[in-house]
């Protein structure tokens, strides 16, 4: 069984875990000025890359 030869220091452990942090989602702005997630359909308008791909929701 593999067993570490020495204790891993706090700095080494922290450097390894630094890549596990969650980033905030990035948003893009439409032609209308609405914010939406990048590479996702804007559910309010149904637009994606300037085209109507989903019918607008009737409220």
Protein backbone atom coordinates (compact mmCIF):
# COMPACT_ATOMS: atom_id res chain seq x y z
CA UNK A 1 0.00 0.00 0.00
CA UNK A 2 1.30 3.47 -0.85
CA UNK A 3 2.13 5.52 2.22
CA UNK A 4 3.54 9.07 2.15
CA UNK A 5 7.15 9.23 3.29
CA UNK A 6 6.81 12.72 4.77
CA UNK A 7 4.02 14.99 5.97
CA UNK A 8 2.69 17.33 3.27
CA UNK A 9 3.16 20.93 4.37
CA UNK A 10 0.30 23.43 4.59
CA UNK A 11 1.78 25.37 1.66
CA UNK A 12 1.98 22.33 -0.64
CA UNK A 13 -1.52 21.26 0.35
CA UNK A 14 -2.86 24.78 -0.23
CA UNK A 15 -1.16 25.07 -3.62
CA UNK A 16 -2.76 21.81 -4.71
CA UNK A 17 -6.19 22.89 -3.50
CA UNK A 18 -5.99 26.34 -5.11
CA UNK A 19 -7.24 24.86 -8.38
CA UNK A 20 -10.39 23.50 -6.72
CA UNK A 21 -11.92 26.93 -6.04
CA UNK A 22 -15.22 27.68 -7.77
CA UNK A 23 -15.28 30.70 -10.08
CA UNK A 24 -18.20 33.09 -10.40
CA UNK A 25 -20.23 32.55 -13.59
CA UNK A 26 -19.52 35.00 -16.39
CA UNK A 27 -22.33 36.90 -18.08
CA UNK A 28 -22.64 38.46 -21.52
CA UNK A 29 -24.84 41.32 -22.67
CA UNK A 30 -27.41 41.00 -25.52
CA UNK A 31 -28.29 43.61 -28.08
CA UNK A 32 -31.17 44.51 -25.72
CA UNK A 33 -28.80 45.06 -22.80
CA UNK A 34 -30.04 41.94 -20.97
CA UNK A 35 -27.47 39.77 -19.20
CA UNK A 36 -27.30 36.03 -19.90
CA UNK A 37 -24.85 33.17 -19.36
CA UNK A 38 -22.34 32.70 -22.16
CA UNK A 39 -23.13 29.82 -24.57
CA UNK A 40 -26.63 29.49 -23.09
CA UNK A 41 -30.01 30.44 -24.51
CA UNK A 42 -31.51 33.59 -22.99
CA UNK A 43 -34.70 32.16 -21.50
CA UNK A 44 -36.44 35.54 -21.26
CA UNK A 45 -36.20 36.30 -24.98
CA UNK A 46 -35.45 32.85 -26.45
CA UNK A 47 -32.52 34.27 -28.41
CA UNK A 48 -29.15 32.59 -28.98
CA UNK A 49 -26.39 34.22 -31.05
CA UNK A 50 -28.87 36.68 -32.55
CA UNK A 51 -31.41 34.06 -33.63
CA UNK A 52 -34.78 33.12 -32.16
CA UNK A 53 -34.39 29.48 -31.08
CA UNK A 54 -37.06 29.15 -28.37
CA UNK A 55 -40.56 30.57 -28.28
CA UNK A 56 -40.95 33.40 -25.77
CA UNK A 57 -42.68 32.45 -22.53
CA UNK A 58 -46.24 33.76 -22.22
CA UNK A 59 -46.61 35.33 -18.76
